[in-house]
Amino acid sequence: MGVAINGGNLATVAGVAKRAEARGFESAWTTEFYDRSATISLAAMATATSTITLGSGIAYAVGRSPLVLAAEAGDLDELSGGRLVLGLGTGTRRMQQDWHGIDGESPAPRVEELVPLLRRLWAMDSSGVEHEGRFYRMALKPTAEVTPRNQIPVYLAGFNARMVQAAGAVGDGLVGHPIFTRRYVEEIVRPALETGAKRTGRNPDVPIAGFVICSVADDGDRARRDAAAQIAFYTVVRTYRSIVELEGFGAQVAAIREAWSNRDADGMVAAVTPDMLERMAVAGTPEEARDQLPNFHGLYDRLLCYAPSYGLTAAEITDRLDAIIETFGAR
């Protein structure tokens, strides 16, 4: 079991990673957004810990050149003593276009070209790296002695089948989305991973590091509200409509989108039904959360407890993360 740190500040990510390590969590993962760098957060986590695996869930695979990304990851792996898992994602097409200034076309082929190029850069010696591809061009001739770096596990984020296939084709694992349900993983995700792996002749048993929304508080109603807010925030995104259709949540999500358009946060939360909460989250008092977590056992190779953050302050996010550590950590 791991913990995913979404939101807060650098003190939050470093402190939570340290406390998670002390309580026996296997890994700690940080996220990236328009106001948070995953690589800097990972550096803070690395200096605050000594044994726990550290992952990015995710860092953006767009907006950085392959060379910068490879160098940053190599430095982080060195700083952490070889504890890094590099989780990469592209974000939605709108994020790619409006945040990173790229066209947003063909994200899956893009990462399928990127990941092998990163591995070549980590293995680079004095002969350098030359690459002429669809998305990337490189003609790197080192001007000084180069020592090959460690190969770093690369997990790719994917939601819809084609992006999941990319993780199977070239990744060392998949970073699952917080609103994945058991049915979606079993019927869509696992088969897509296998399809991607078979296409490139790789082992089809690709591990998944899967986020599970875990909202824990002494006030169980507040915990459920926070989880519902996070679910509403994600399901309003049309990129994720495949899970909405599979699970039959169309009416609920239509109500969420209407409330979103009216900037009605309470309406968004109210539209999240109990069956959505049950399939997408663990939410309630510590006792209730412990009873619910087995619903997700066996679903992922790495189960990552993901605290809600939508609409919460940095202090509230830290409180929710500490509640996860206290509830699920080794005693």
Protein backbone atom coordinates (compact mmCIF):
# COMPACT_ATOMS: atom_id res chain seq x y z
CA MET A 1 0.00 0.00 0.00
CA GLY A 2 1.14 3.51 -0.82
CA VAL A 3 -0.08 7.04 -0.32
CA ALA A 4 -0.63 9.67 -3.01
CA ILE A 5 -0.05 13.30 -2.08
CA ASN A 6 -2.20 15.60 -4.19
CA GLY A 7 -2.19 19.29 -3.32
CA GLY A 8 -0.76 21.07 -0.31
CA ASN A 9 2.72 22.56 -0.40
CA LEU A 10 6.30 21.28 -0.35
CA ALA A 11 6.22 20.93 3.43
CA THR A 12 3.12 18.77 3.01
CA VAL A 13 4.69 16.36 0.51
CA ALA A 14 7.94 16.02 2.47
CA GLY A 15 6.24 15.62 5.83
CA VAL A 16 3.62 13.15 4.62
CA ALA A 17 6.24 11.02 2.85
CA LYS A 18 8.32 10.91 6.03
CA ARG A 19 5.33 9.92 8.18
CA ALA A 20 4.21 7.32 5.62
CA GLU A 21 7.67 5.77 5.67
CA ALA A 22 7.64 5.60 9.47
CA ARG A 23 4.25 3.85 9.40
CA GLY A 24 5.30 1.18 6.93
CA PHE A 25 3.78 2.37 3.65
CA GLU A 26 5.52 0.85 0.62
CA SER A 27 5.51 3.98 -1.50
CA ALA A 28 4.64 7.69 -1.60
CA TRP A 29 3.56 9.41 -4.82
CA THR A 30 3.19 13.05 -5.74
CA THR A 31 1.21 14.74 -8.47
CA GLU A 32 1.73 17.62 -10.88
CA PHE A 33 -0.61 20.42 -11.88
CA TYR A 34 -0.38 23.98 -13.15
CA ASP A 35 0.89 25.13 -9.73
CA ARG A 36 2.97 22.16 -8.59
CA SER A 37 6.09 20.51 -10.05
CA ALA A 38 6.30 16.77 -9.48
CA THR A 39 10.07 16.77 -9.85
CA ILE A 40 10.65 19.41 -7.17
CA SER A 41 8.14 17.67 -4.89
CA LEU A 42 10.00 14.40 -5.38
CA ALA A 43 13.27 16.09 -4.45
CA ALA A 44 11.69 17.32 -1.21
CA MET A 45 10.37 13.83 -0.50
CA ALA A 46 13.73 12.23 -1.26
CA THR A 47 15.61 14.40 1.20
CA ALA A 48 13.02 13.72 3.94
CA THR A 49 13.05 9.91 3.59
CA SER A 50 15.49 7.04 3.26
CA THR A 51 13.72 3.77 2.37
CA ILE A 52 10.24 4.35 0.95
CA THR A 53 9.72 4.09 -2.84
CA LEU A 54 8.95 7.47 -4.40
CA GLY A 55 6.80 7.94 -7.48
CA SER A 56 5.34 10.65 -9.66
CA GLY A 57 1.68 10.08 -10.26
CA ILE A 58 2.11 11.80 -12.60
CA ALA A 59 4.70 14.16 -14.04
CA TYR A 60 3.77 15.61 -17.40
CA ALA A 61 5.36 13.82 -20.35
CA VAL A 62 4.73 16.95 -22.42
CA GLY A 63 6.24 20.38 -21.83
CA ARG A 64 9.69 18.97 -21.06
CA SER A 65 12.12 17.81 -23.71
CA PRO A 66 13.18 14.16 -23.47
CA LEU A 67 16.67 15.32 -22.51
CA VAL A 68 15.46 17.50 -19.62
CA LEU A 69 13.06 14.81 -18.44
CA ALA A 70 15.74 12.12 -18.52
CA ALA A 71 18.21 14.36 -16.65
CA GLU A 72 15.67 15.34 -13.99
CA ALA A 73 14.64 11.74 -13.43
CA GLY A 74 18.26 10.60 -13.27
CA ASP A 75 19.09 13.24 -10.68
CA LEU A 76 16.04 12.31 -8.61
CA ASP A 77 16.94 8.64 -8.73
CA GLU A 78 20.46 9.50 -7.59
CA LEU A 79 19.18 11.80 -4.85
CA SER A 80 16.83 9.11 -3.54
CA GLY A 81 19.35 6.28 -3.73
CA GLY A 82 17.56 4.44 -6.52
CA ARG A 83 14.03 4.70 -5.09
CA LEU A 84 12.31 6.47 -7.99
CA VAL A 85 9.40 5.29 -10.11
CA LEU A 86 8.86 7.78 -12.93
CA GLY A 87 5.14 8.04 -13.60
CA LEU A 88 4.35 10.00 -16.74
CA GLY A 89 1.10 11.24 -18.25
CA THR A 90 0.00 13.65 -20.93
CA GLY A 91 -3.10 15.12 -19.31
CA THR A 92 -6.20 15.83 -21.35
CA ARG A 93 -5.99 17.25 -24.88
CA ARG A 94 -7.09 20.66 -23.61
CA MET A 95 -4.33 20.64 -20.99
CA GLN A 96 -1.78 19.74 -23.66
CA GLN A 97 -2.98 22.53 -25.93
CA ASP A 98 -3.74 25.31 -23.46
CA TRP A 99 -1.15 24.61 -20.75
CA HIS A 100 1.80 23.20 -22.65
CA GLY A 101 1.33 24.69 -26.09
CA ILE A 102 1.41 21.49 -28.13
CA ASP A 103 -1.24 20.29 -30.56
CA GLY A 104 -2.49 17.44 -28.37
CA GLU A 105 -2.64 15.03 -31.30
CA SER A 106 -1.76 11.34 -30.94
CA PRO A 107 -0.73 11.28 -27.25
CA ALA A 108 -0.36 7.49 -27.15
CA PRO A 109 2.11 7.27 -30.07
CA ARG A 110 3.93 10.24 -28.54
CA VAL A 111 4.65 8.44 -25.25
CA GLU A 112 5.40 5.21 -27.09
CA GLU A 113 8.23 7.10 -28.80
CA LEU A 114 9.27 8.99 -25.66
CA VAL A 115 9.81 6.12 -23.22
CA PRO A 116 12.36 4.15 -25.30
CA LEU A 117 14.17 7.42 -25.97
CA LEU A 118 14.42 8.09 -22.22
CA ARG A 119 15.93 4.64 -21.73
CA ARG A 120 18.48 5.34 -24.44
CA LEU A 121 19.43 8.59 -22.72
CA TRP A 122 19.94 6.85 -19.36
CA ALA A 123 22.11 4.21 -21.08
CA MET A 124 24.04 6.80 -23.10
CA ASP A 125 27.82 6.57 -23.28
CA SER A 126 30.35 8.73 -25.11
CA SER A 127 28.82 7.80 -28.47
CA GLY A 128 25.76 9.88 -27.69
CA VAL A 129 22.20 9.51 -28.93
CA GLU A 130 20.77 10.19 -32.35
CA HIS A 131 17.04 9.98 -32.93
CA GLU A 132 14.75 11.04 -35.75
CA GLY A 133 11.14 10.26 -34.96
CA ARG A 134 7.61 11.46 -35.49
CA PHE A 135 7.56 13.63 -32.36
CA TYR A 136 11.19 13.98 -31.26
CA ARG A 137 14.50 14.73 -32.90
CA MET A 138 17.85 14.50 -31.17
CA ALA A 139 21.49 14.66 -32.28
CA LEU A 140 23.41 14.59 -29.00
CA LYS A 141 27.20 14.31 -29.15
CA PRO A 142 28.71 14.42 -25.63
CA THR A 143 31.63 16.81 -25.19
CA ALA A 144 32.90 15.08 -22.05
CA GLU A 145 33.02 11.58 -20.61
CA VAL A 146 29.57 10.13 -19.95
CA THR A 147 28.73 7.43 -17.43
CA PRO A 148 25.51 5.52 -18.13
CA ARG A 149 22.87 5.99 -15.43
CA ASN A 150 20.56 3.49 -13.83
CA GLN A 151 17.47 2.49 -15.76
CA ILE A 152 14.42 3.89 -13.98
CA PRO A 153 11.01 2.17 -13.93
CA VAL A 154 8.59 4.17 -16.08
CA TYR A 155 4.87 3.90 -15.42
CA LEU A 156 2.47 5.55 -17.87
CA ALA A 157 -0.90 7.00 -16.99
CA GLY A 158 -3.81 5.89 -19.10
CA PHE A 159 -7.58 6.09 -18.87
CA ASN A 160 -9.10 5.18 -22.21
CA ALA A 161 -8.05 1.96 -23.91
CA ARG A 162 -5.53 3.38 -26.39
CA MET A 163 -3.48 5.17 -23.72
CA VAL A 164 -3.62 2.09 -21.51
CA GLN A 165 -2.28 0.08 -24.45
CA ALA A 166 0.71 2.43 -24.59
CA ALA A 167 1.57 1.51 -20.99
CA GLY A 168 1.44 -2.14 -21.95
CA ALA A 169 3.51 -1.57 -25.07
CA VAL A 170 6.44 0.38 -23.61
CA GLY A 171 5.88 1.03 -19.89
CA ASP A 172 7.01 -0.82 -16.79
CA GLY A 173 3.54 -0.28 -15.33
CA LEU A 174 0.33 1.73 -15.49
CA VAL A 175 -0.73 4.59 -13.22
CA GLY A 176 -4.46 4.09 -12.74
CA HIS A 177 -6.96 6.91 -12.34
CA PRO A 178 -8.65 7.69 -8.99
CA ILE A 179 -12.14 7.00 -10.38
CA PHE A 180 -11.33 3.57 -11.82
CA THR A 181 -13.84 0.98 -10.67
CA ARG A 182 -13.29 -2.75 -10.33
CA ARG A 183 -15.46 -3.42 -13.37
CA TYR A 184 -13.60 -0.85 -15.47
CA VAL A 185 -10.22 -2.31 -14.52
CA GLU A 186 -11.30 -5.86 -15.23
CA GLU A 187 -13.20 -5.23 -18.47
CA ILE A 188 -11.27 -2.34 -20.04
CA VAL A 189 -7.89 -1.74 -18.41
CA ARG A 190 -6.42 -5.22 -18.01
CA PRO A 191 -7.36 -6.32 -21.56
CA ALA A 192 -5.94 -3.09 -23.01
CA LEU A 193 -2.66 -3.59 -21.14
CA GLU A 194 -2.42 -7.12 -22.51
CA THR A 195 -3.16 -5.92 -26.05
CA GLY A 196 -0.41 -3.31 -25.85
CA ALA A 197 2.11 -5.74 -24.41
CA LYS A 198 1.42 -8.38 -27.04
CA ARG A 199 1.86 -5.82 -29.81
CA THR A 200 5.49 -5.27 -28.78
CA GLY A 201 6.20 -8.83 -27.63
CA ARG A 202 6.35 -8.00 -23.92
CA ASN A 203 5.09 -9.77 -20.80
CA PRO A 204 1.33 -9.08 -20.68
CA ASP A 205 1.30 -9.08 -16.87
CA VAL A 206 1.83 -5.31 -16.54
CA PRO A 207 1.57 -3.99 -12.96
CA ILE A 208 -0.87 -1.25 -12.04
CA ALA A 209 -0.28 1.43 -9.41
CA GLY A 210 -3.89 2.36 -8.81
CA PHE A 211 -5.18 5.38 -6.93
CA VAL A 212 -8.16 4.82 -4.63
CA ILE A 213 -9.90 7.90 -3.27
CA CYS A 214 -9.64 7.52 0.51
CA SER A 215 -11.50 10.13 2.52
CA VAL A 216 -11.19 9.55 6.26
CA ALA A 217 -12.37 11.78 9.10
CA ASP A 218 -13.96 11.44 12.52
CA ASP A 219 -16.95 13.17 10.94
CA GLY A 220 -18.01 10.47 8.49
CA ASP A 221 -20.49 12.71 6.69
CA ARG A 222 -17.76 15.26 6.00
CA ALA A 223 -15.48 12.49 4.74
CA ARG A 224 -18.16 11.30 2.33
CA ARG A 225 -18.81 14.84 1.14
CA ASP A 226 -15.11 15.39 0.40
CA ALA A 227 -14.94 12.12 -1.55
CA ALA A 228 -18.09 13.04 -3.48
CA ALA A 229 -16.60 16.42 -4.37
CA GLN A 230 -13.49 14.74 -5.76
CA ILE A 231 -15.55 12.27 -7.79
CA ALA A 232 -17.69 15.10 -9.16
CA PHE A 233 -14.58 17.10 -10.10
CA TYR A 234 -13.27 14.19 -12.19
CA THR A 235 -16.46 12.87 -13.74
CA VAL A 236 -17.36 16.29 -15.14
CA VAL A 237 -14.43 15.83 -17.58
CA ARG A 238 -15.69 14.36 -20.84
CA THR A 239 -12.43 12.48 -21.41
CA TYR A 240 -13.62 10.10 -18.71
CA ARG A 241 -17.02 9.38 -20.22
CA SER A 242 -16.11 5.74 -20.98
CA ILE A 243 -16.30 4.81 -17.30
CA VAL A 244 -19.50 6.81 -16.86
CA GLU A 245 -21.13 4.87 -19.68
CA LEU A 246 -19.84 1.47 -18.52
CA GLU A 247 -21.09 1.99 -14.96
CA GLY A 248 -24.40 3.54 -16.00
CA PHE A 249 -23.77 6.87 -14.26
CA GLY A 250 -24.99 9.02 -17.15
CA ALA A 251 -27.87 10.67 -15.28
CA GLN A 252 -25.73 11.47 -12.26
CA VAL A 253 -22.94 12.96 -14.35
CA ALA A 254 -25.40 15.04 -16.37
CA ALA A 255 -26.57 16.55 -13.08
CA ILE A 256 -22.97 17.11 -11.99
CA ARG A 257 -22.18 18.91 -15.25
CA GLU A 258 -25.25 21.10 -14.94
CA ALA A 259 -24.24 22.06 -11.40
CA TRP A 260 -20.68 22.70 -12.61
CA SER A 261 -21.93 25.05 -15.31
CA ASN A 262 -23.86 26.95 -12.63
CA ARG A 263 -20.83 26.99 -10.29
CA ASP A 264 -22.98 25.10 -7.78
CA ALA A 265 -20.50 23.10 -5.68
CA ASP A 266 -23.19 21.78 -3.34
CA GLY A 267 -25.23 20.63 -6.32
CA MET A 268 -22.22 18.75 -7.73
CA VAL A 269 -21.73 16.91 -4.46
CA ALA A 270 -25.43 16.13 -4.10
CA ALA A 271 -25.48 14.53 -7.56
CA VAL A 272 -22.90 11.90 -6.53
CA THR A 273 -24.97 8.90 -5.48
CA PRO A 274 -24.07 6.29 -2.82
CA ASP A 275 -23.34 3.66 -5.48
CA MET A 276 -20.83 6.01 -7.11
CA LEU A 277 -19.13 6.47 -3.76
CA GLU A 278 -19.08 2.75 -3.11
CA ARG A 279 -17.50 1.89 -6.47
CA MET A 280 -15.04 4.79 -6.64
CA ALA A 281 -13.98 5.57 -3.08
CA VAL A 282 -13.37 4.60 0.50
CA ALA A 283 -15.09 7.22 2.64
CA GLY A 284 -16.17 7.57 6.24
CA THR A 285 -14.85 7.32 9.76
CA PRO A 286 -11.61 5.39 10.34
CA GLU A 287 -13.60 2.30 11.29
CA GLU A 288 -15.81 2.59 8.19
CA ALA A 289 -12.79 3.15 5.96
CA ARG A 290 -11.04 0.04 7.26
CA ASP A 291 -14.17 -1.98 6.54
CA GLN A 292 -14.44 -0.59 2.99
CA LEU A 293 -10.83 -0.85 1.82
CA PRO A 294 -11.02 -4.65 1.24
CA ASN A 295 -13.44 -3.86 -1.62
CA PHE A 296 -10.33 -2.80 -3.55
CA HIS A 297 -7.99 -5.58 -2.42
CA GLY A 298 -6.51 -7.60 -5.27
CA LEU A 299 -7.41 -4.97 -7.85
CA TYR A 300 -3.99 -3.31 -8.09
CA ASP A 301 -0.38 -4.36 -7.69
CA ARG A 302 0.22 -1.11 -5.82
CA LEU A 303 -2.84 0.34 -4.10
CA LEU A 304 -2.30 4.05 -3.55
CA CYS A 305 -4.50 5.85 -1.03
CA TYR A 306 -5.48 9.15 -2.61
CA ALA A 307 -6.80 11.87 -0.31
CA PRO A 308 -9.42 14.24 -1.73
CA SER A 309 -8.23 17.76 -2.42
CA TYR A 310 -10.91 19.49 -4.48
CA GLY A 311 -12.17 22.53 -2.59
CA LEU A 312 -9.90 21.93 0.40
CA THR A 313 -7.17 24.14 1.85
CA ALA A 314 -3.56 22.98 2.18
CA ALA A 315 -4.10 22.44 5.91
CA GLU A 316 -7.24 20.37 5.30
CA ILE A 317 -5.43 18.25 2.70
CA THR A 318 -2.64 17.58 5.19
CA ASP A 319 -5.24 16.55 7.79
CA ARG A 320 -6.82 14.11 5.32
CA LEU A 321 -3.44 12.60 4.46
CA ASP A 322 -2.54 12.22 8.13
CA ALA A 323 -5.88 10.48 8.68
CA ILE A 324 -5.01 7.98 5.93
CA ILE A 325 -1.63 7.29 7.52
CA GLU A 326 -3.16 6.88 10.96
CA THR A 327 -5.97 4.65 9.68
CA PHE A 328 -4.06 2.34 7.36
CA GLY A 329 -0.44 2.55 8.56
CA ALA A 330 1.29 -0.23 10.46
CA ARG A 331 0.84 0.01 14.20
